[in-house]
Amino acid sequence: MGINSAAPYNGVRSETPPGSENAHSLQGGNMGFKHKDIIALQDLTKDEIQLLLDTAENMREVNSRDIKKVPTLRGKTIINLFYEASTRTRTSFEIAAKRLSADTINISPSTSSATKGETLLDTALNLLAMKPDIIVMRHAISGSHYFLGKRLPCSIINAGDGAHEHPSQGLLDMLTMRQKFGRLDGLKVAIVGDITHSRVARSNIHGLTKMGASIRLCGPPTMVPPGIERLGNVTVCNDMRDAIADADVVMMLRIQLERQGKTLLPTLKEYSRYYGLNPENLKLARKDAMVMHPGPINRGVELSSYVADGDQSHILKQVENGVAVRMAMLYHVSGGELPTE
């Protein structure tokens, strides 16, 4: 397909959005966010990330109502185009769109013309002929969203591309941390697991370091890419105990066997012994440390059930916050305005 994932990108709105006199008010439009697409947290400024988080916090109020619906995106059409399996992200984006009153269509590769050999671009152009406003896409190829963003006038939101980024997951993780600690600046965040294949890790590194947090990465040497320290305020630890010592947040990642192509560790039992989170090694983190996981969880591998279901676990809070974050993303790329009541 000829995608260059490292190519510069300038997906910026050319028009002035409505209500631009007040960038941080939900009733005031999108002066603080002028991107046509949301593809990577690497592309966003600290202020833009802050704006998305603040908007998501307001969207949580909508989700707490008896009638969880506002007319913000009434008349807008959103297509969820998922070339990879998803439960949380796809469902969350669909719920987010419906709570903003948008019309949603879900497409998976098994039911699309991709099974007949149609290219990504041809699929997108055919969908574009039906006049969608936003395409939310997950794709196995890193950079595929940049490829479409340069060619399509509608907004593109990245729901995960290869091992590149997963911006909505990074944002919901940051929102969850901010709700507990009241800040992101100064937090010590340990990320443990399959770093090489994790788009979640990269989005969190880009987002959290811009917001003033420090990151410690740990995983088997075969799963930690050389030079990843250059992405931000990042330290690579060889021993998991060093990574989680005095950490405010311990984020565990799933081993992505489907992306590895070959075995990068002897056995899952050995991985769990050295890189799994259990009640004993969790004591090394701060007493009030958060445990997080983007899901799906492999219980007994990256973390024990005692930890996953324990008092320090915020895994289901992450899922809850995902709806609000994705509502904020859809809202800002659409240029819409929330009603005053």
C-alpha atoms as a PDB file:
ATOM      1  CA  MET A   1       0.000   0.000   0.000  1.00  0.00           C
ATOM      2  CA  GLY A   2       3.042   2.254   0.186  1.00  0.00           C
ATOM      3  CA  ILE A   3       2.321   3.756   3.575  1.00  0.00           C
ATOM      4  CA  ASN A   4       5.116   5.742   5.203  1.00  0.00           C
ATOM      5  CA  SER A   5       4.201   5.837   8.891  1.00  0.00           C
ATOM      6  CA  ALA A   6       7.004   8.311   9.609  1.00  0.00           C
ATOM      7  CA  ALA A   7       5.820  10.882   7.068  1.00  0.00           C
ATOM      8  CA  PRO A   8       4.980  14.348   8.419  1.00  0.00           C
ATOM      9  CA  TYR A   9       1.307  15.046   8.826  1.00  0.00           C
ATOM     10  CA  ASN A  10      -0.620  18.276   8.913  1.00  0.00           C
ATOM     11  CA  GLY A  11      -4.250  17.286   9.440  1.00  0.00           C
ATOM     12  CA  VAL A  12      -5.393  20.712  10.614  1.00  0.00           C
ATOM     13  CA  ARG A  13      -8.747  22.372  10.183  1.00  0.00           C
ATOM     14  CA  SER A  14      -8.736  25.214   7.706  1.00  0.00           C
ATOM     15  CA  GLU A  15     -12.017  26.722   8.875  1.00  0.00           C
ATOM     16  CA  THR A  16     -12.706  28.628  12.072  1.00  0.00           C
ATOM     17  CA  PRO A  17     -14.981  26.468  14.237  1.00  0.00           C
ATOM     18  CA  PRO A  18     -18.154  27.869  15.729  1.00  0.00           C
ATOM     19  CA  GLY A  19     -17.965  29.617  19.070  1.00  0.00           C
ATOM     20  CA  SER A  20     -14.179  30.070  18.915  1.00  0.00           C
ATOM     21  CA  GLU A  21     -14.239  32.935  21.394  1.00  0.00           C
ATOM     22  CA  ASN A  22     -13.917  30.477  24.308  1.00  0.00           C
ATOM     23  CA  ALA A  23     -11.592  27.542  23.742  1.00  0.00           C
ATOM     24  CA  HIS A  24     -12.219  25.711  27.004  1.00  0.00           C
ATOM     25  CA  SER A  25     -16.004  25.889  27.207  1.00  0.00           C
ATOM     26  CA  LEU A  26     -18.078  23.054  25.855  1.00  0.00           C
ATOM     27  CA  GLN A  27     -20.556  25.665  24.729  1.00  0.00           C
ATOM     28  CA  GLY A  28     -17.724  27.666  23.217  1.00  0.00           C
ATOM     29  CA  GLY A  29     -16.652  25.490  20.330  1.00  0.00           C
ATOM     30  CA  ASN A  30     -13.226  24.217  19.344  1.00  0.00           C
ATOM     31  CA  MET A  31     -10.792  27.109  19.165  1.00  0.00           C
ATOM     32  CA  GLY A  32      -8.277  25.052  21.143  1.00  0.00           C
ATOM     33  CA  PHE A  33      -8.557  22.035  18.820  1.00  0.00           C
ATOM     34  CA  LYS A  34      -8.200  22.569  15.095  1.00  0.00           C
ATOM     35  CA  HIS A  35      -7.179  19.118  13.883  1.00  0.00           C
ATOM     36  CA  LYS A  36      -9.344  17.467  11.253  1.00  0.00           C
ATOM     37  CA  ASP A  37      -8.229  14.041  12.473  1.00  0.00           C
ATOM     38  CA  ILE A  38      -6.997  12.432  15.680  1.00  0.00           C
ATOM     39  CA  ILE A  39      -4.363   9.901  14.719  1.00  0.00           C
ATOM     40  CA  ALA A  40      -1.649  10.081  17.375  1.00  0.00           C
ATOM     41  CA  LEU A  41      -0.997  11.783  20.693  1.00  0.00           C
ATOM     42  CA  GLN A  42       2.462  12.487  19.298  1.00  0.00           C
ATOM     43  CA  ASP A  43       0.767  15.007  16.966  1.00  0.00           C
ATOM     44  CA  LEU A  44      -1.055  16.883  19.745  1.00  0.00           C
ATOM     45  CA  THR A  45       0.203  19.629  22.029  1.00  0.00           C
ATOM     46  CA  LYS A  46      -0.060  19.576  25.794  1.00  0.00           C
ATOM     47  CA  ASP A  47      -2.904  22.133  25.603  1.00  0.00           C
ATOM     48  CA  GLU A  48      -4.811  20.026  23.074  1.00  0.00           C
ATOM     49  CA  ILE A  49      -4.491  16.926  25.239  1.00  0.00           C
ATOM     50  CA  GLN A  50      -5.633  18.976  28.231  1.00  0.00           C
ATOM     51  CA  LEU A  51      -8.649  20.199  26.262  1.00  0.00           C
ATOM     52  CA  LEU A  52      -9.646  16.650  25.291  1.00  0.00           C
ATOM     53  CA  LEU A  53      -9.348  15.508  28.915  1.00  0.00           C
ATOM     54  CA  ASP A  54     -11.377  18.465  30.186  1.00  0.00           C
ATOM     55  CA  THR A  55     -14.060  17.824  27.587  1.00  0.00           C
ATOM     56  CA  ALA A  56     -14.167  14.134  28.516  1.00  0.00           C
ATOM     57  CA  GLU A  57     -14.667  15.109  32.150  1.00  0.00           C
ATOM     58  CA  ASN A  58     -17.725  17.107  31.097  1.00  0.00           C
ATOM     59  CA  MET A  59     -18.954  14.210  28.958  1.00  0.00           C
ATOM     60  CA  ARG A  60     -18.942  12.020  32.051  1.00  0.00           C
ATOM     61  CA  GLU A  61     -21.843  14.115  33.313  1.00  0.00           C
ATOM     62  CA  VAL A  62     -23.865  13.152  30.239  1.00  0.00           C
ATOM     63  CA  ASN A  63     -23.092   9.494  30.947  1.00  0.00           C
ATOM     64  CA  SER A  64     -24.387   9.830  34.510  1.00  0.00           C
ATOM     65  CA  ARG A  65     -27.854  11.037  33.462  1.00  0.00           C
ATOM     66  CA  ASP A  66     -30.978   8.886  33.402  1.00  0.00           C
ATOM     67  CA  ILE A  67     -31.317   9.692  29.692  1.00  0.00           C
ATOM     68  CA  LYS A  68     -27.764   9.462  28.399  1.00  0.00           C
ATOM     69  CA  LYS A  69     -28.192  11.414  25.197  1.00  0.00           C
ATOM     70  CA  VAL A  70     -27.549  14.921  23.852  1.00  0.00           C
ATOM     71  CA  PRO A  71     -28.271  16.220  20.324  1.00  0.00           C
ATOM     72  CA  THR A  72     -24.701  17.421  19.726  1.00  0.00           C
ATOM     73  CA  LEU A  73     -23.958  15.321  16.627  1.00  0.00           C
ATOM     74  CA  ARG A  74     -27.515  14.896  15.359  1.00  0.00           C
ATOM     75  CA  GLY A  75     -27.404  14.479  11.592  1.00  0.00           C
ATOM     76  CA  LYS A  76     -23.752  13.348  11.583  1.00  0.00           C
ATOM     77  CA  THR A  77     -22.812   9.928  10.210  1.00  0.00           C
ATOM     78  CA  ILE A  78     -19.980   7.955  11.804  1.00  0.00           C
ATOM     79  CA  ILE A  79     -18.542   4.762  10.325  1.00  0.00           C
ATOM     80  CA  ASN A  80     -16.654   2.340  12.575  1.00  0.00           C
ATOM     81  CA  LEU A  81     -14.276   0.504  10.240  1.00  0.00           C
ATOM     82  CA  PHE A  82     -12.475  -2.182  12.236  1.00  0.00           C
ATOM     83  CA  TYR A  83     -10.025  -4.424  10.381  1.00  0.00           C
ATOM     84  CA  GLU A  84      -8.954  -6.052  13.654  1.00  0.00           C
ATOM     85  CA  ALA A  85     -10.910  -7.637  16.473  1.00  0.00           C
ATOM     86  CA  SER A  86     -12.137  -5.338  19.220  1.00  0.00           C
ATOM     87  CA  THR A  87     -14.621  -5.442  22.072  1.00  0.00           C
ATOM     88  CA  ARG A  88     -14.028  -2.410  24.296  1.00  0.00           C
ATOM     89  CA  THR A  89     -12.883   0.123  21.700  1.00  0.00           C
ATOM     90  CA  ARG A  90     -15.468  -0.615  19.036  1.00  0.00           C
ATOM     91  CA  THR A  91     -18.379  -0.816  21.471  1.00  0.00           C
ATOM     92  CA  SER A  92     -17.188   2.300  23.278  1.00  0.00           C
ATOM     93  CA  PHE A  93     -16.976   4.359  20.079  1.00  0.00           C
ATOM     94  CA  GLU A  94     -20.451   3.191  19.037  1.00  0.00           C
ATOM     95  CA  ILE A  95     -21.960   4.073  22.409  1.00  0.00           C
ATOM     96  CA  ALA A  96     -20.140   7.417  22.387  1.00  0.00           C
ATOM     97  CA  ALA A  97     -21.531   8.287  18.956  1.00  0.00           C
ATOM     98  CA  LYS A  98     -25.078   7.287  19.877  1.00  0.00           C
ATOM     99  CA  ARG A  99     -24.998   9.300  23.097  1.00  0.00           C
ATOM    100  CA  LEU A 100     -24.116  12.312  20.948  1.00  0.00           C
ATOM    101  CA  SER A 101     -27.074  11.415  18.670  1.00  0.00           C
ATOM    102  CA  ALA A 102     -24.988  10.514  15.612  1.00  0.00           C
ATOM    103  CA  ASP A 103     -25.957   7.796  13.148  1.00  0.00           C
ATOM    104  CA  THR A 104     -23.470   4.907  13.308  1.00  0.00           C
ATOM    105  CA  ILE A 105     -22.521   2.119  10.927  1.00  0.00           C
ATOM    106  CA  ASN A 106     -20.206  -0.749  11.904  1.00  0.00           C
ATOM    107  CA  ILE A 107     -18.083  -2.555   9.308  1.00  0.00           C
ATOM    108  CA  SER A 108     -15.754  -5.496   9.918  1.00  0.00           C
ATOM    109  CA  PRO A 109     -13.400  -7.037   7.323  1.00  0.00           C
ATOM    110  CA  SER A 110     -15.161 -10.405   7.416  1.00  0.00           C
ATOM    111  CA  THR A 111     -18.328  -8.763   6.066  1.00  0.00           C
ATOM    112  CA  SER A 112     -16.701  -6.210   3.769  1.00  0.00           C
ATOM    113  CA  SER A 113     -15.287  -6.266   0.250  1.00  0.00           C
ATOM    114  CA  ALA A 114     -11.798  -6.562   1.770  1.00  0.00           C
ATOM    115  CA  THR A 115     -12.411 -10.323   1.620  1.00  0.00           C
ATOM    116  CA  LYS A 116     -12.683  -9.935  -2.168  1.00  0.00           C
ATOM    117  CA  GLY A 117      -9.382  -8.091  -2.503  1.00  0.00           C
ATOM    118  CA  GLU A 118     -10.549  -4.474  -2.292  1.00  0.00           C
ATOM    119  CA  THR A 119      -7.803  -2.100  -1.149  1.00  0.00           C
ATOM    120  CA  LEU A 120      -8.091   0.120   1.900  1.00  0.00           C
ATOM    121  CA  LEU A 121      -8.182   3.239  -0.257  1.00  0.00           C
ATOM    122  CA  ASP A 122     -10.915   1.887  -2.535  1.00  0.00           C
ATOM    123  CA  THR A 123     -12.958   0.873   0.494  1.00  0.00           C
ATOM    124  CA  ALA A 124     -12.550   4.346   1.968  1.00  0.00           C
ATOM    125  CA  LEU A 125     -13.411   6.116  -1.294  1.00  0.00           C
ATOM    126  CA  ASN A 126     -16.567   4.053  -1.677  1.00  0.00           C
ATOM    127  CA  LEU A 127     -17.570   4.865   1.881  1.00  0.00           C
ATOM    128  CA  LEU A 128     -16.771   8.526   1.265  1.00  0.00           C
ATOM    129  CA  ALA A 129     -19.218   8.539  -1.650  1.00  0.00           C
ATOM    130  CA  MET A 130     -21.922   7.888   0.957  1.00  0.00           C
ATOM    131  CA  LYS A 131     -20.981  11.167   2.730  1.00  0.00           C
ATOM    132  CA  PRO A 132     -19.838  10.098   6.204  1.00  0.00           C
ATOM    133  CA  ASP A 133     -18.614  12.813   8.555  1.00  0.00           C
ATOM    134  CA  ILE A 134     -16.176  10.711  10.587  1.00  0.00           C
ATOM    135  CA  ILE A 135     -14.471   7.362   9.987  1.00  0.00           C
ATOM    136  CA  VAL A 136     -13.198   5.592  13.108  1.00  0.00           C
ATOM    137  CA  MET A 137     -10.731   2.942  11.983  1.00  0.00           C
ATOM    138  CA  ARG A 138      -8.603   0.184  13.451  1.00  0.00           C
ATOM    139  CA  HIS A 139      -6.010  -1.317  11.121  1.00  0.00           C
ATOM    140  CA  ALA A 140      -3.062  -3.687  11.405  1.00  0.00           C
ATOM    141  CA  ILE A 141      -0.733  -1.436   9.379  1.00  0.00           C
ATOM    142  CA  SER A 142       1.008   1.373  11.219  1.00  0.00           C
ATOM    143  CA  GLY A 143       0.448   4.672   9.438  1.00  0.00           C
ATOM    144  CA  SER A 144      -2.703   3.609   7.590  1.00  0.00           C
ATOM    145  CA  HIS A 145      -4.643   6.489   9.164  1.00  0.00           C
ATOM    146  CA  TYR A 146      -2.151   9.069   7.916  1.00  0.00           C
ATOM    147  CA  PHE A 147      -2.540   7.502   4.479  1.00  0.00           C
ATOM    148  CA  LEU A 148      -6.299   8.072   4.539  1.00  0.00           C
ATOM    149  CA  GLY A 149      -6.190  11.392   6.365  1.00  0.00           C
ATOM    150  CA  LYS A 150      -4.230  12.970   3.521  1.00  0.00           C
ATOM    151  CA  ARG A 151      -6.699  11.713   0.923  1.00  0.00           C
ATOM    152  CA  LEU A 152     -10.139  12.019   2.506  1.00  0.00           C
ATOM    153  CA  PRO A 153     -11.933  15.240   3.499  1.00  0.00           C
ATOM    154  CA  CYS A 154     -13.892  13.590   6.305  1.00  0.00           C
ATOM    155  CA  SER A 155     -12.371  13.224   9.765  1.00  0.00           C
ATOM    156  CA  ILE A 156     -10.332  10.136  10.629  1.00  0.00           C
ATOM    157  CA  ILE A 157      -9.989   8.871  14.202  1.00  0.00           C
ATOM    158  CA  ASN A 158      -7.410   6.226  14.985  1.00  0.00           C
ATOM    159  CA  ALA A 159      -8.782   3.309  17.007  1.00  0.00           C
ATOM    160  CA  GLY A 160      -5.402   1.574  16.837  1.00  0.00           C
ATOM    161  CA  ASP A 161      -2.904   1.098  14.017  1.00  0.00           C
ATOM    162  CA  GLY A 162      -0.418  -1.736  14.196  1.00  0.00           C
ATOM    163  CA  ALA A 163       2.184  -1.091  16.885  1.00  0.00           C
ATOM    164  CA  HIS A 164       2.069   2.681  16.302  1.00  0.00           C
ATOM    165  CA  GLU A 165      -0.540   4.371  18.537  1.00  0.00           C
ATOM    166  CA  HIS A 166      -3.924   4.001  20.213  1.00  0.00           C
ATOM    167  CA  PRO A 167      -4.734   7.618  21.142  1.00  0.00           C
ATOM    168  CA  SER A 168      -8.155   7.052  22.719  1.00  0.00           C
ATOM    169  CA  GLN A 169      -6.663   4.453  25.066  1.00  0.00           C
ATOM    170  CA  GLY A 170      -3.879   6.838  26.042  1.00  0.00           C
ATOM    171  CA  LEU A 171      -6.404   9.585  26.746  1.00  0.00           C
ATOM    172  CA  LEU A 172      -8.706   7.399  28.840  1.00  0.00           C
ATOM    173  CA  ASP A 173      -5.710   6.147  30.804  1.00  0.00           C
ATOM    174  CA  MET A 174      -4.654   9.731  31.531  1.00  0.00           C
ATOM    175  CA  LEU A 175      -8.201  10.705  32.489  1.00  0.00           C
ATOM    176  CA  THR A 176      -8.369   7.786  34.934  1.00  0.00           C
ATOM    177  CA  MET A 177      -5.053   8.760  36.520  1.00  0.00           C
ATOM    178  CA  ARG A 178      -6.068  12.402  36.778  1.00  0.00           C
ATOM    179  CA  GLN A 179      -9.326  11.497  38.494  1.00  0.00           C
ATOM    180  CA  LYS A 180      -7.459   9.668  41.250  1.00  0.00           C
ATOM    181  CA  PHE A 181      -4.477  11.953  41.777  1.00  0.00           C
ATOM    182  CA  GLY A 182      -5.884  15.281  40.572  1.00  0.00           C
ATOM    183  CA  ARG A 183      -2.850  15.754  38.329  1.00  0.00           C
ATOM    184  CA  LEU A 184      -0.569  14.090  35.796  1.00  0.00           C
ATOM    185  CA  ASP A 185       2.491  16.246  36.326  1.00  0.00           C
ATOM    186  CA  GLY A 186       5.061  14.473  38.485  1.00  0.00           C
ATOM    187  CA  LEU A 187       3.427  11.033  38.434  1.00  0.00           C
ATOM    188  CA  LYS A 188       5.682   7.980  38.218  1.00  0.00           C
ATOM    189  CA  VAL A 189       4.145   5.479  35.813  1.00  0.00           C
ATOM    190  CA  ALA A 190       5.493   1.946  35.325  1.00  0.00           C
ATOM    191  CA  ILE A 191       4.515   0.195  32.087  1.00  0.00           C
ATOM    192  CA  VAL A 192       5.334  -3.521  32.079  1.00  0.00           C
ATOM    193  CA  GLY A 193       5.015  -6.127  29.360  1.00  0.00           C
ATOM    194  CA  ASP A 194       5.257  -6.411  25.582  1.00  0.00           C
ATOM    195  CA  ILE A 195       6.489  -2.885  24.856  1.00  0.00           C
ATOM    196  CA  THR A 196       7.665  -3.626  21.314  1.00  0.00           C
ATOM    197  CA  HIS A 197       4.219  -4.470  19.970  1.00  0.00           C
ATOM    198  CA  SER A 198       2.190  -2.118  22.183  1.00  0.00           C
ATOM    199  CA  ARG A 199       0.517   0.890  20.591  1.00  0.00           C
ATOM    200  CA  VAL A 200      -0.950   1.584  24.048  1.00  0.00           C
ATOM    201  CA  ALA A 201       2.544   2.014  25.487  1.00  0.00           C
ATOM    202  CA  ARG A 202       3.516   4.498  22.772  1.00  0.00           C
ATOM    203  CA  SER A 203       0.393   6.615  23.155  1.00  0.00           C
ATOM    204  CA  ASN A 204       0.876   6.706  26.920  1.00  0.00           C
ATOM    205  CA  ILE A 205       4.534   7.638  26.558  1.00  0.00           C
ATOM    206  CA  HIS A 206       3.752  10.521  24.196  1.00  0.00           C
ATOM    207  CA  GLY A 207       0.760  11.736  26.190  1.00  0.00           C
ATOM    208  CA  LEU A 208       2.016  11.324  29.743  1.00  0.00           C
ATOM    209  CA  THR A 209       5.467  12.788  29.176  1.00  0.00           C
ATOM    210  CA  LYS A 210       3.916  15.856  27.536  1.00  0.00           C
ATOM    211  CA  MET A 211       1.796  16.246  30.670  1.00  0.00           C
ATOM    212  CA  GLY A 212       4.832  16.042  32.957  1.00  0.00           C
ATOM    213  CA  ALA A 213       4.816  12.402  34.082  1.00  0.00           C
ATOM    214  CA  SER A 214       7.846  10.112  34.043  1.00  0.00           C
ATOM    215  CA  ILE A 215       7.744   6.604  32.581  1.00  0.00           C
ATOM    216  CA  ARG A 216       9.558   3.426  33.542  1.00  0.00           C
ATOM    217  CA  LEU A 217       9.384   0.605  31.015  1.00  0.00           C
ATOM    218  CA  CYS A 218      10.066  -3.039  31.737  1.00  0.00           C
ATOM    219  CA  GLY A 219       9.695  -6.272  29.842  1.00  0.00           C
ATOM    220  CA  PRO A 220      11.718  -9.178  28.488  1.00  0.00           C
ATOM    221  CA  PRO A 221      14.708  -7.838  26.484  1.00  0.00           C
ATOM    222  CA  THR A 222      13.127  -9.324  23.364  1.00  0.00           C
ATOM    223  CA  MET A 223      10.038  -7.154  23.947  1.00  0.00           C
ATOM    224  CA  VAL A 224      11.644  -3.773  24.597  1.00  0.00           C
ATOM    225  CA  PRO A 225      12.695  -1.936  21.405  1.00  0.00           C
ATOM    226  CA  PRO A 226      16.148  -0.299  21.403  1.00  0.00           C
ATOM    227  CA  GLY A 227      16.098   3.498  21.649  1.00  0.00           C
ATOM    228  CA  ILE A 228      12.569   3.813  23.010  1.00  0.00           C
ATOM    229  CA  GLU A 229      13.952   6.167  25.675  1.00  0.00           C
ATOM    230  CA  ARG A 230      14.143   8.832  22.992  1.00  0.00           C
ATOM    231  CA  LEU A 231      10.336   9.135  22.923  1.00  0.00           C
ATOM    232  CA  GLY A 232      10.213  11.157  26.145  1.00  0.00           C
ATOM    233  CA  ASN A 233      11.013  11.092  29.858  1.00  0.00           C
ATOM    234  CA  VAL A 234      11.491   7.329  29.772  1.00  0.00           C
ATOM    235  CA  THR A 235      13.721   4.947  31.729  1.00  0.00           C
ATOM    236  CA  VAL A 236      14.098   1.287  30.777  1.00  0.00           C
ATOM    237  CA  CYS A 237      14.411  -1.118  33.720  1.00  0.00           C
ATOM    238  CA  ASN A 238      15.677  -4.674  33.371  1.00  0.00           C
ATOM    239  CA  ASP A 239      14.110  -5.780  36.656  1.00  0.00           C
ATOM    240  CA  MET A 240      10.370  -5.391  37.191  1.00  0.00           C
ATOM    241  CA  ARG A 241      10.962  -4.621  40.850  1.00  0.00           C
ATOM    242  CA  ASP A 242      12.966  -1.544  39.897  1.00  0.00           C
ATOM    243  CA  ALA A 243      10.217  -0.411  37.520  1.00  0.00           C
ATOM    244  CA  ILE A 244       7.367  -0.566  40.008  1.00  0.00           C
ATOM    245  CA  ALA A 245       9.260   0.591  43.114  1.00  0.00           C
ATOM    246  CA  ASP A 246       7.494   3.681  44.514  1.00  0.00           C
ATOM    247  CA  ALA A 247       5.359   3.963  41.365  1.00  0.00           C
ATOM    248  CA  ASP A 248       2.070   5.873  41.421  1.00  0.00           C
ATOM    249  CA  VAL A 249       0.674   3.800  38.555  1.00  0.00           C
ATOM    250  CA  VAL A 250       1.477   0.259  37.454  1.00  0.00           C
ATOM    251  CA  MET A 251       0.179  -0.438  33.944  1.00  0.00           C
ATOM    252  CA  MET A 252       0.390  -4.030  32.758  1.00  0.00           C
ATOM    253  CA  LEU A 253       0.316  -4.901  29.056  1.00  0.00           C
ATOM    254  CA  ARG A 254      -0.887  -8.027  27.313  1.00  0.00           C
ATOM    255  CA  ILE A 255       1.612 -10.252  25.512  1.00  0.00           C
ATOM    256  CA  GLN A 256       0.593  -9.837  21.871  1.00  0.00           C
ATOM    257  CA  LEU A 257       1.421 -13.265  20.508  1.00  0.00           C
ATOM    258  CA  GLU A 258      -0.609 -12.540  17.363  1.00  0.00           C
ATOM    259  CA  ARG A 259       1.827  -9.757  16.369  1.00  0.00           C
ATOM    260  CA  GLN A 260       5.111 -11.413  17.242  1.00  0.00           C
ATOM    261  CA  GLY A 261       5.434 -13.880  14.385  1.00  0.00           C
ATOM    262  CA  LYS A 262       7.802 -15.957  16.514  1.00  0.00           C
ATOM    263  CA  THR A 263       8.128 -16.844  20.174  1.00  0.00           C
ATOM    264  CA  LEU A 264       9.979 -14.138  22.115  1.00  0.00           C
ATOM    265  CA  LEU A 265       9.863 -15.852  25.512  1.00  0.00           C
ATOM    266  CA  PRO A 266      10.386 -19.436  26.708  1.00  0.00           C
ATOM    267  CA  THR A 267       7.026 -20.032  28.412  1.00  0.00           C
ATOM    268  CA  LEU A 268       4.106 -18.038  29.768  1.00  0.00           C
ATOM    269  CA  LYS A 269       4.828 -19.505  33.204  1.00  0.00           C
ATOM    270  CA  GLU A 270       8.335 -18.077  33.150  1.00  0.00           C
ATOM    271  CA  TYR A 271       7.037 -14.724  31.907  1.00  0.00           C
ATOM    272  CA  SER A 272       4.549 -14.580  34.767  1.00  0.00           C
ATOM    273  CA  ARG A 273       7.296 -15.383  37.263  1.00  0.00           C
ATOM    274  CA  TYR A 274       9.510 -12.470  36.239  1.00  0.00           C
ATOM    275  CA  TYR A 275       7.079  -9.936  34.744  1.00  0.00           C
ATOM    276  CA  GLY A 276       3.682 -10.742  36.243  1.00  0.00           C
ATOM    277  CA  LEU A 277       2.039  -8.493  38.835  1.00  0.00           C
ATOM    278  CA  ASN A 278       0.943 -10.186  42.042  1.00  0.00           C
ATOM    279  CA  PRO A 279      -0.002  -9.007  45.540  1.00  0.00           C
ATOM    280  CA  GLU A 280       3.568  -9.483  46.767  1.00  0.00           C
ATOM    281  CA  ASN A 281       5.472  -7.386  44.227  1.00  0.00           C
ATOM    282  CA  LEU A 282       2.686  -4.794  44.109  1.00  0.00           C
ATOM    283  CA  LYS A 283       3.732  -3.876  47.652  1.00  0.00           C
ATOM    284  CA  LEU A 284       6.844  -2.277  46.112  1.00  0.00           C
ATOM    285  CA  ALA A 285       4.688   0.431  44.535  1.00  0.00           C
ATOM    286  CA  ARG A 286       3.139   3.248  46.518  1.00  0.00           C
ATOM    287  CA  LYS A 287       0.490   2.173  48.990  1.00  0.00           C
ATOM    288  CA  ASP A 288      -2.197   3.991  46.991  1.00  0.00           C
ATOM    289  CA  ALA A 289      -0.797   3.013  43.585  1.00  0.00           C
ATOM    290  CA  MET A 290      -3.232   2.387  40.737  1.00  0.00           C
ATOM    291  CA  VAL A 291      -3.202  -0.865  38.775  1.00  0.00           C
ATOM    292  CA  MET A 292      -4.216  -0.477  35.133  1.00  0.00           C
ATOM    293  CA  HIS A 293      -4.529  -2.711  32.075  1.00  0.00           C
ATOM    294  CA  PRO A 294      -5.866  -1.865  28.589  1.00  0.00           C
ATOM    295  CA  GLY A 295      -7.475  -5.296  28.210  1.00  0.00           C
ATOM    296  CA  PRO A 296      -8.131  -7.989  27.398  1.00  0.00           C
ATOM    297  CA  ILE A 297      -6.533  -9.473  30.512  1.00  0.00           C
ATOM    298  CA  ASN A 298      -4.700 -12.777  30.473  1.00  0.00           C
ATOM    299  CA  ARG A 299      -5.309 -13.707  34.105  1.00  0.00           C
ATOM    300  CA  GLY A 300      -2.405 -15.494  35.716  1.00  0.00           C
ATOM    301  CA  VAL A 301       0.018 -14.237  33.076  1.00  0.00           C
ATOM    302  CA  GLU A 302       0.509 -10.478  33.232  1.00  0.00           C
ATOM    303  CA  LEU A 303      -1.365 -10.126  36.510  1.00  0.00           C
ATOM    304  CA  SER A 304      -3.104 -12.323  39.037  1.00  0.00           C
ATOM    305  CA  SER A 305      -6.842 -12.314  39.610  1.00  0.00           C
ATOM    306  CA  TYR A 306      -6.217 -11.036  43.143  1.00  0.00           C
ATOM    307  CA  VAL A 307      -4.692  -7.896  41.654  1.00  0.00           C
ATOM    308  CA  ALA A 308      -7.092  -7.548  38.716  1.00  0.00           C
ATOM    309  CA  ASP A 309     -10.089  -7.660  41.045  1.00  0.00           C
ATOM    310  CA  GLY A 310      -8.446  -5.936  44.005  1.00  0.00           C
ATOM    311  CA  ASP A 311      -9.019  -2.548  45.582  1.00  0.00           C
ATOM    312  CA  GLN A 312      -6.140  -0.943  43.673  1.00  0.00           C
ATOM    313  CA  SER A 313      -7.441  -2.032  40.282  1.00  0.00           C
ATOM    314  CA  HIS A 314      -8.882   0.708  38.055  1.00  0.00           C
ATOM    315  CA  ILE A 315      -9.385  -1.518  35.016  1.00  0.00           C
ATOM    316  CA  LEU A 316     -13.160  -1.175  34.858  1.00  0.00           C
ATOM    317  CA  LYS A 317     -12.886   2.565  35.537  1.00  0.00           C
ATOM    318  CA  GLN A 318     -10.714   2.750  32.423  1.00  0.00           C
ATOM    319  CA  VAL A 319     -13.505   1.104  30.424  1.00  0.00           C
ATOM    320  CA  GLU A 320     -16.059   3.507  31.872  1.00  0.00           C
ATOM    321  CA  ASN A 321     -13.923   6.528  31.040  1.00  0.00           C
ATOM    322  CA  GLY A 322     -13.420   5.243  27.499  1.00  0.00           C
ATOM    323  CA  VAL A 323     -16.944   6.266  26.523  1.00  0.00           C
ATOM    324  CA  ALA A 324     -16.464   9.847  27.774  1.00  0.00           C
ATOM    325  CA  VAL A 325     -13.066  10.189  26.087  1.00  0.00           C
ATOM    326  CA  ARG A 326     -14.395   8.950  22.765  1.00  0.00           C
ATOM    327  CA  MET A 327     -17.355  11.304  23.019  1.00  0.00           C
ATOM    328  CA  ALA A 328     -14.840  14.128  23.456  1.00  0.00           C
ATOM    329  CA  MET A 329     -12.833  13.014  20.426  1.00  0.00           C
ATOM    330  CA  LEU A 330     -15.911  12.789  18.200  1.00  0.00           C
ATOM    331  CA  TYR A 331     -17.111  16.160  19.463  1.00  0.00           C
ATOM    332  CA  HIS A 332     -13.865  17.974  18.752  1.00  0.00           C
ATOM    333  CA  VAL A 333     -13.198  16.613  15.258  1.00  0.00           C
ATOM    334  CA  SER A 334     -16.802  17.350  14.289  1.00  0.00           C
ATOM    335  CA  GLY A 335     -16.579  21.012  15.271  1.00  0.00           C
ATOM    336  CA  GLY A 336     -19.908  20.644  17.045  1.00  0.00           C
ATOM    337  CA  GLU A 337     -21.235  22.443  20.098  1.00  0.00           C
ATOM    338  CA  LEU A 338     -22.960  21.000  23.130  1.00  0.00           C
ATOM    339  CA  PRO A 339     -26.356  22.430  24.132  1.00  0.00           C
ATOM    340  CA  THR A 340     -26.514  24.702  27.166  1.00  0.00           C
ATOM    341  CA  GLU A 341     -29.048  22.438  28.850  1.00  0.00           C
END
